[in-house]
Amino acid sequence: MRKAFINCRLFDGEREHSGRAVIIEDGQVADVVADDRAASLADESIDLDGLRLVPGFIDLQVNGGGGVLFNDAPTVDALRTIIAAHRAFGTTACLPTLITGDNVMMEAAIDAVREAIEQGVPGIIGIHLEGPHLNPERSGVHDASQMRGLDGQALELLCSLEEGHTLVTLAPERVIGESIRQLAERGVRVFAGHSAATYDEVGAAIGCGLVGFTHLFNAMSQLTSREPGVVGAALDDPETFAGVIADGHHVHPASLGIALRAKPRGKVFLVTDAMPTVGAADKTFNLSSGSVTELGGRCVTEDGTLAGSCIGMIDAVKYVVSSGLADREEAIRMASAYPAAALGVDDRYGYVKAGYRANLLALDDDLNVVCSVIDGELERFD
C-alpha cells in the first residue's frame, strides 16, 4: 500500500522544498513528487497541514527511557519501551547503549538487539557497547571494577551481532592497535571514550580504524598547551566524527561552538546519552555507582556527578538552535544525516530521498514533534 504525505514543507536533509509530496511504500521512500501528482500515485494521502517534514532523528547513544535502563533489562520488551519513549522526542532509529558490565550482561544485550531486529521492533538498528574496554581513570559513573582488557574472546563478542550495526566505545591507550584494526575490518564502528589517551595514542588508533569520539569533552583527556589529549586529537582530525550531548550541562556552548568551527561540517553530531527518566514519571533510578535523580534538567548521583542525560533528541536540536550554534536545518542534520554518516549508514538513513528508509518527522514551527514515521508506520503525538 502506497501512502503520500502531502501539504508540507519538505526538508529532505539538504534543502527545503514547497509543494512536494513524499510517497512511501514497503517501509521506504518510493518517490518525492509534486503535490498535485500524489493522489494518482498513492492509495492514501495524509495531509500534514503545512507542517515541516524532515528526516527522522538517529540517536547513537541511548542508555534508557520510559523508566527502563538497558543494563538492568537487556530484553526485547525493554527495547520496545525505550524506543517508544524516545519516539515522542523525534528518534526514529537508535543504538541501545550498554554501559560497562560483565560478559553475561553483554551477551544478553546483544541477543536482545538481535531478537528485536528479527522481530522488526521499530527503530532498533543495532547496539552501542560503551565499555568495558575503558580507562578506570575516566570511568565517570561506569563500574570501574568491570573494566578490562580486550582479548580474542572479547573481540569475538564485540563482533557477534550479525544483523544490525555495532558501535564500540573503548579507550585506545588500553587496546592494542591490531584489535582496533580487526574490529574495523569486521564492520564495527570504533569510537574513543572514557579515555586518558595522549594525542599520539589517539592518532595511532585512528590509523588502525578508529572513526569517532563518544560524548566529546566528557570523560576524556582535555586539550592543554603541551598535550592535546583526546579532545585535541578529536578537534584536529578532519575525518573522524564526534558525538556531543547538547543539554547545556555536559558541554558549555562556547566549547561546542569551538568544536563546530574546528571540525569540518558534518563531523559533529548530536546524541542524548539518555537515561530511564526520559518519557517516565519516575525521576530516580539506580546505577552501580548508586542512586541517580533527575534534578534541574540533569541526571546526577548523590555526590552531584553527571550520570547521562534526561533529554530527547528534539531537546538537543532545540538547544543548538536557541543557543545560536546552528540554524534550524543544520541542527536537524546534526540529529539525522550526520549520525547516519558516523554510523556509516547515510546511504539508507538521514535523508528523505527515494530508496531511503521511510523514517520521517513532522515538526511545527516551534520544533515540536507532531508526527513520527518509522519504516512507513505513522504515529501522532498531537
Protein backbone atom coordinates (compact mmCIF):
# COMPACT_ATOMS: atom_id res chain seq x y z
CA MET A 1 0.00 0.00 0.00
CA ARG A 2 1.37 3.38 -1.01
CA LYS A 3 0.94 6.42 1.24
CA ALA A 4 1.53 10.04 0.30
CA PHE A 5 2.43 12.77 2.77
CA ILE A 6 1.11 15.98 1.25
CA ASN A 7 0.75 19.69 2.06
CA CYS A 8 4.04 20.00 3.92
CA ARG A 9 7.28 21.97 3.83
CA LEU A 10 9.78 19.27 3.00
CA PHE A 11 13.35 19.47 4.28
CA ASP A 12 15.00 16.48 2.62
CA GLY A 13 18.27 16.74 4.54
CA GLU A 14 19.85 19.07 2.01
CA ARG A 15 17.33 21.84 1.31
CA GLU A 16 13.71 22.81 1.88
CA HIS A 17 11.01 22.40 -0.78
CA SER A 18 7.42 23.55 -1.03
CA GLY A 19 4.64 21.86 -2.97
CA ARG A 20 6.27 18.43 -2.71
CA ALA A 21 4.76 15.15 -1.56
CA VAL A 22 6.59 12.11 -0.20
CA ILE A 23 5.41 8.70 -1.40
CA ILE A 24 6.26 5.73 0.82
CA GLU A 25 5.87 2.01 0.21
CA ASP A 26 7.18 -1.10 1.98
CA GLY A 27 8.97 0.97 4.60
CA GLN A 28 10.91 3.05 2.10
CA VAL A 29 10.61 6.39 0.37
CA ALA A 30 9.39 5.43 -3.10
CA ASP A 31 9.46 8.92 -4.61
CA VAL A 32 9.26 12.65 -3.97
CA VAL A 33 6.83 14.30 -6.37
CA ALA A 34 4.75 17.41 -6.91
CA ASP A 35 1.73 17.60 -4.58
CA ASP A 36 -0.70 17.51 -7.49
CA ARG A 37 0.66 14.13 -8.61
CA ALA A 38 0.38 12.42 -5.24
CA ALA A 39 -3.27 11.33 -5.47
CA SER A 40 -2.63 9.37 -8.64
CA LEU A 41 0.43 7.61 -7.20
CA ALA A 42 -0.80 6.63 -3.74
CA ASP A 43 -3.60 4.64 -2.15
CA GLU A 44 -3.84 7.01 0.81
CA SER A 45 -2.96 10.69 1.28
CA ILE A 46 -2.01 12.14 4.67
CA ASP A 47 -2.42 15.91 4.86
CA LEU A 48 0.24 17.48 7.09
CA ASP A 49 -1.44 20.88 7.09
CA GLY A 50 1.73 22.85 6.40
CA LEU A 51 3.98 21.13 8.94
CA ARG A 52 7.68 20.76 8.21
CA LEU A 53 8.54 17.19 7.15
CA VAL A 54 12.15 16.26 7.95
CA PRO A 55 14.37 13.17 8.20
CA GLY A 56 13.86 11.16 11.38
CA PHE A 57 16.48 11.54 14.11
CA ILE A 58 19.15 8.91 14.76
CA ASP A 59 20.46 8.57 18.32
CA LEU A 60 23.66 6.55 18.65
CA GLN A 61 23.73 6.65 22.47
CA VAL A 62 20.57 5.67 24.35
CA ASN A 63 21.06 4.10 27.78
CA GLY A 64 17.39 4.03 28.63
CA GLY A 65 13.97 5.63 28.56
CA GLY A 66 10.41 5.09 29.69
CA GLY A 67 11.64 4.09 33.15
CA VAL A 68 13.93 1.35 31.80
CA LEU A 69 17.75 1.15 31.90
CA PHE A 70 19.09 -1.22 29.23
CA ASN A 71 21.76 -2.52 31.63
CA ASP A 72 19.06 -3.58 34.09
CA ALA A 73 16.80 -5.18 31.49
CA PRO A 74 18.64 -6.40 28.37
CA THR A 75 15.44 -7.76 26.79
CA VAL A 76 13.31 -7.16 23.72
CA ASP A 77 10.46 -5.83 25.87
CA ALA A 78 12.81 -3.28 27.40
CA LEU A 79 13.91 -2.17 23.94
CA ARG A 80 10.28 -1.69 22.92
CA THR A 81 9.75 0.53 25.96
CA ILE A 82 12.91 2.55 25.38
CA ILE A 83 12.27 3.30 21.71
CA ALA A 84 8.61 4.08 22.40
CA ALA A 85 9.68 6.72 24.94
CA HIS A 86 12.21 8.29 22.60
CA ARG A 87 9.95 8.22 19.56
CA ALA A 88 7.93 11.08 21.01
CA PHE A 89 11.16 13.12 21.06
CA GLY A 90 11.92 12.53 17.37
CA THR A 91 14.12 9.42 17.48
CA THR A 92 13.26 7.07 14.62
CA ALA A 93 16.43 4.94 14.76
CA CYS A 94 18.73 4.29 17.68
CA LEU A 95 21.53 2.22 19.12
CA PRO A 96 20.50 0.99 22.58
CA THR A 97 23.61 1.54 24.66
CA LEU A 98 25.03 -0.87 27.21
CA ILE A 99 27.46 0.71 29.63
CA THR A 100 30.26 -1.28 31.24
CA GLY A 101 29.12 -4.68 32.50
CA ASP A 102 30.16 -8.31 32.62
CA ASN A 103 30.14 -10.73 29.70
CA VAL A 104 26.82 -12.30 30.71
CA MET A 105 25.12 -8.91 30.53
CA MET A 106 26.81 -8.11 27.22
CA GLU A 107 25.71 -11.40 25.67
CA ALA A 108 22.14 -10.82 26.86
CA ALA A 109 22.11 -7.30 25.43
CA ILE A 110 23.45 -8.40 22.05
CA ASP A 111 20.91 -11.25 21.95
CA ALA A 112 18.09 -8.83 22.79
CA VAL A 113 19.07 -6.47 19.98
CA ARG A 114 19.39 -9.38 17.57
CA GLU A 115 15.89 -10.57 18.51
CA ALA A 116 14.46 -7.07 18.30
CA ILE A 117 15.80 -6.63 14.78
CA GLU A 118 14.49 -10.05 13.75
CA GLN A 119 11.06 -9.17 15.17
CA GLY A 120 11.06 -5.80 13.44
CA VAL A 121 10.91 -3.67 16.59
CA PRO A 122 10.68 -0.20 15.05
CA GLY A 123 13.75 1.98 15.43
CA ILE A 124 16.23 -0.60 16.75
CA ILE A 125 19.08 -0.74 14.24
CA GLY A 126 21.99 -2.07 16.30
CA ILE A 127 23.84 -1.71 19.59
CA HIS A 128 26.36 0.62 21.19
CA LEU A 129 28.71 -1.16 23.60
CA GLU A 130 30.16 1.65 25.72
CA GLY A 131 32.78 -0.38 27.53
CA PRO A 132 34.06 -2.42 29.23
CA HIS A 133 37.38 -1.72 27.48
CA LEU A 134 37.74 1.72 29.02
CA ASN A 135 40.17 3.51 31.35
CA PRO A 136 39.20 3.42 35.05
CA GLU A 137 40.83 6.84 35.44
CA ARG A 138 37.99 8.26 33.30
CA SER A 139 35.21 5.92 34.41
CA GLY A 140 32.55 8.56 35.17
CA VAL A 141 29.59 6.60 36.53
CA HIS A 142 30.67 3.35 34.87
CA ASP A 143 31.69 0.49 37.16
CA ALA A 144 35.50 0.74 37.07
CA SER A 145 35.85 -2.70 38.65
CA GLN A 146 34.33 -4.23 35.49
CA MET A 147 36.73 -2.52 33.09
CA ARG A 148 39.10 -4.97 31.44
CA GLY A 149 41.38 -5.63 28.50
CA LEU A 150 40.30 -6.72 25.06
CA ASP A 151 41.44 -10.26 24.29
CA GLY A 152 40.46 -12.56 21.43
CA GLN A 153 37.33 -13.86 23.18
CA ALA A 154 36.19 -10.31 23.95
CA LEU A 155 36.78 -9.28 20.35
CA GLU A 156 34.55 -12.09 19.11
CA LEU A 157 31.80 -10.95 21.48
CA LEU A 158 32.02 -7.37 20.19
CA CYS A 159 31.62 -8.66 16.63
CA SER A 160 28.82 -11.12 17.35
CA LEU A 161 25.78 -9.08 16.19
CA GLU A 162 25.35 -10.40 12.66
CA GLU A 163 22.35 -8.24 11.77
CA GLY A 164 22.30 -4.55 12.52
CA HIS A 165 25.15 -2.22 13.39
CA THR A 166 27.64 -2.25 16.26
CA LEU A 167 29.40 0.77 17.71
CA VAL A 168 32.07 0.15 20.36
CA THR A 169 33.48 2.82 22.65
CA LEU A 170 36.93 2.00 24.01
CA ALA A 171 39.99 3.69 25.47
CA PRO A 172 42.66 3.46 22.75
CA GLU A 173 45.51 3.54 25.27
CA ARG A 174 44.21 0.26 26.73
CA VAL A 175 43.56 -1.61 23.47
CA ILE A 176 46.27 -2.63 21.01
CA GLY A 177 46.07 -1.24 17.51
CA GLU A 178 45.69 -4.66 15.93
CA SER A 179 42.46 -5.25 17.89
CA ILE A 180 41.09 -1.91 16.69
CA ARG A 181 42.06 -2.87 13.15
CA GLN A 182 40.28 -6.23 13.41
CA LEU A 183 37.11 -4.63 14.79
CA ALA A 184 37.07 -2.08 11.97
CA GLU A 185 37.71 -4.73 9.32
CA ARG A 186 34.74 -6.72 10.65
CA GLY A 187 32.36 -3.78 10.33
CA VAL A 188 32.37 -2.47 13.90
CA ARG A 189 32.44 1.33 14.25
CA VAL A 190 35.12 2.12 16.83
CA PHE A 191 34.94 5.31 18.91
CA ALA A 192 37.23 6.60 21.66
CA GLY A 193 35.76 7.48 25.02
CA HIS A 194 36.31 7.26 28.77
CA SER A 195 39.95 7.63 27.91
CA ALA A 196 43.12 9.28 29.23
CA ALA A 197 44.95 8.74 25.94
CA THR A 198 47.60 11.09 24.63
CA TYR A 199 47.29 12.84 21.29
CA ASP A 200 49.76 10.38 19.76
CA GLU A 201 47.92 7.35 21.12
CA VAL A 202 44.69 8.58 19.59
CA GLY A 203 46.44 9.27 16.30
CA ALA A 204 47.77 5.73 16.20
CA ALA A 205 44.27 4.37 16.89
CA ILE A 206 42.84 6.48 14.05
CA GLY A 207 45.44 4.92 11.78
CA CYS A 208 44.14 1.50 12.80
CA GLY A 209 40.48 2.29 12.12
CA LEU A 210 39.07 4.39 14.96
CA VAL A 211 36.46 6.69 13.40
CA GLY A 212 34.91 8.76 16.17
CA PHE A 213 34.62 10.05 19.72
CA THR A 214 31.92 9.38 22.29
CA HIS A 215 30.42 12.40 24.09
CA LEU A 216 33.21 14.80 23.12
CA PHE A 217 34.75 16.72 26.06
CA ASN A 218 33.26 14.40 28.69
CA ALA A 219 35.28 11.63 30.41
CA MET A 220 38.40 12.15 28.30
CA SER A 221 41.81 13.84 28.49
CA GLN A 222 41.48 17.53 27.71
CA LEU A 223 43.28 19.89 25.33
CA THR A 224 46.25 21.52 27.07
CA SER A 225 49.25 23.51 25.89
CA ARG A 226 51.75 20.65 25.72
CA GLU A 227 49.48 17.61 25.46
CA PRO A 228 46.41 17.97 23.24
CA GLY A 229 44.88 14.78 24.65
CA VAL A 230 41.78 13.08 23.29
CA VAL A 231 39.90 16.37 22.87
CA GLY A 232 42.76 17.91 20.90
CA ALA A 233 43.07 14.84 18.70
CA ALA A 234 39.34 14.87 18.02
CA LEU A 235 39.29 18.54 17.07
CA ASP A 236 42.45 18.26 14.97
CA ASP A 237 41.48 15.26 12.84
CA PRO A 238 39.26 16.21 9.88
CA GLU A 239 37.97 12.73 9.10
CA THR A 240 36.67 11.48 12.44
CA PHE A 241 33.23 12.08 13.93
CA ALA A 242 32.31 13.40 17.37
CA GLY A 243 29.07 12.94 19.28
CA VAL A 244 28.06 15.70 21.70
CA ILE A 245 25.48 15.86 24.48
CA ALA A 246 23.86 19.23 23.82
CA ASP A 247 21.85 19.72 27.01
CA GLY A 248 23.50 22.84 28.41
CA HIS A 249 25.08 20.85 31.25
CA HIS A 250 27.59 18.42 29.73
CA VAL A 251 29.28 20.91 27.39
CA HIS A 252 29.49 24.70 27.62
CA PRO A 253 28.02 26.32 24.49
CA ALA A 254 31.35 28.04 23.81
CA SER A 255 33.12 24.68 23.82
CA LEU A 256 30.52 23.23 21.50
CA GLY A 257 30.90 26.24 19.22
CA ILE A 258 34.66 25.73 19.10
CA ALA A 259 34.14 22.08 18.14
CA LEU A 260 31.73 23.04 15.38
CA ARG A 261 34.24 25.53 13.97
CA ALA A 262 37.22 23.18 14.33
CA LYS A 263 35.69 20.08 12.77
CA PRO A 264 34.57 20.02 9.13
CA ARG A 265 30.86 20.40 8.59
CA GLY A 266 29.08 17.10 9.10
CA LYS A 267 31.54 15.65 11.60
CA VAL A 268 29.84 16.76 14.84
CA PHE A 269 26.52 15.12 15.63
CA LEU A 270 24.03 15.04 18.48
CA VAL A 271 23.46 12.23 20.97
CA THR A 272 21.32 12.14 24.09
CA ASP A 273 23.19 9.70 26.37
CA ALA A 274 19.66 9.38 27.73
CA MET A 275 18.77 7.64 30.98
CA PRO A 276 15.49 5.98 32.13
CA THR A 277 13.86 9.25 33.22
CA VAL A 278 13.22 10.30 29.60
CA GLY A 279 9.50 9.81 29.00
CA ALA A 280 8.98 8.47 32.52
CA ALA A 281 7.15 9.76 35.60
CA ASP A 282 9.73 8.30 37.97
CA LYS A 283 12.75 10.59 38.07
CA THR A 284 15.02 8.30 40.10
CA PHE A 285 16.92 5.16 39.10
CA ASN A 286 19.97 3.18 40.19
CA LEU A 287 23.39 2.55 38.70
CA SER A 288 26.27 0.52 40.09
CA SER A 289 27.57 3.85 41.44
CA GLY A 290 24.38 4.40 43.45
CA SER A 291 21.11 6.28 43.18
CA VAL A 292 20.64 8.81 40.36
CA THR A 293 17.99 11.54 40.33
CA GLU A 294 16.84 13.98 37.70
CA LEU A 295 17.21 17.47 39.17
CA GLY A 296 17.14 20.78 37.33
CA GLY A 297 17.41 19.17 33.93
CA ARG A 298 20.34 16.95 34.92
CA CYS A 299 20.74 13.32 35.98
CA VAL A 300 23.07 13.36 38.99
CA THR A 301 24.40 10.90 41.55
CA GLU A 302 24.19 11.64 45.26
CA ASP A 303 27.56 13.44 45.09
CA GLY A 304 26.45 15.58 42.14
CA THR A 305 28.24 13.70 39.35
CA LEU A 306 26.53 13.84 35.96
CA ALA A 307 25.13 10.42 35.02
CA GLY A 308 23.92 10.59 31.44
CA SER A 309 21.16 12.98 30.47
CA CYS A 310 17.40 13.43 30.65
CA ILE A 311 16.90 14.83 27.15
CA GLY A 312 15.41 13.51 23.93
CA MET A 313 16.85 14.30 20.51
CA ILE A 314 14.42 17.14 19.81
CA ASP A 315 15.61 18.80 23.03
CA ALA A 316 19.19 18.71 21.74
CA VAL A 317 18.08 20.17 18.40
CA LYS A 318 16.19 22.98 20.14
CA TYR A 319 19.19 23.71 22.37
CA VAL A 320 21.59 24.04 19.43
CA VAL A 321 19.16 26.38 17.64
CA SER A 322 18.29 28.50 20.69
CA SER A 323 21.98 28.85 21.60
CA GLY A 324 22.73 30.23 18.15
CA LEU A 325 25.17 27.42 17.43
CA ALA A 326 23.40 26.30 14.25
CA ASP A 327 20.36 27.23 12.21
CA ARG A 328 17.28 25.00 12.15
CA GLU A 329 18.31 22.99 9.10
CA GLU A 330 21.86 22.38 10.31
CA ALA A 331 20.60 21.32 13.74
CA ILE A 332 18.30 18.80 12.07
CA ARG A 333 21.25 17.48 10.06
CA MET A 334 23.20 17.10 13.31
CA ALA A 335 20.42 14.80 14.51
CA SER A 336 19.89 12.86 11.28
CA ALA A 337 22.31 12.99 8.35
CA TYR A 338 25.45 13.38 10.46
CA PRO A 339 24.85 10.49 12.90
CA ALA A 340 23.90 8.38 9.88
CA ALA A 341 27.29 9.18 8.37
CA ALA A 342 29.05 8.47 11.67
CA LEU A 343 27.48 5.00 11.72
CA GLY A 344 28.20 4.51 8.02
CA VAL A 345 24.54 4.22 7.01
CA ASP A 346 23.96 7.55 5.27
CA ASP A 347 23.13 5.67 2.07
CA ARG A 348 19.90 4.49 3.77
CA TYR A 349 19.18 6.86 6.63
CA GLY A 350 19.31 10.59 7.32
CA TYR A 351 17.62 11.95 4.20
CA VAL A 352 14.18 12.00 2.60
CA LYS A 353 15.04 10.59 -0.81
CA ALA A 354 13.87 7.74 -3.00
CA GLY A 355 15.35 4.47 -1.78
CA TYR A 356 15.92 5.66 1.80
CA ARG A 357 14.13 4.26 4.85
CA ALA A 358 10.79 5.95 5.42
CA ASN A 359 11.84 7.44 8.76
CA LEU A 360 10.33 10.91 8.96
CA LEU A 361 9.17 13.57 11.39
CA ALA A 362 6.54 16.27 11.08
CA LEU A 363 7.53 19.32 13.16
CA ASP A 364 5.66 22.51 13.93
CA ASP A 365 7.24 25.96 13.82
CA ASP A 366 8.42 25.61 17.43
CA LEU A 367 10.22 22.34 16.60
CA ASN A 368 7.71 20.21 18.47
CA VAL A 369 7.25 16.65 17.19
CA VAL A 370 3.71 16.26 15.86
CA CYS A 371 4.10 13.01 13.91
CA SER A 372 6.71 10.28 13.66
CA VAL A 373 7.09 7.77 10.85
CA ILE A 374 9.30 4.70 11.33
CA ASP A 375 9.64 2.35 8.37
CA GLY A 376 6.49 3.88 6.92
CA GLU A 377 4.32 3.50 10.06
CA LEU A 378 2.80 6.74 11.36
CA GLU A 379 2.32 7.76 14.99
CA ARG A 380 0.83 11.10 16.04
CA PHE A 381 1.62 13.00 19.22
CA ASP A 382 -0.79 15.95 18.94
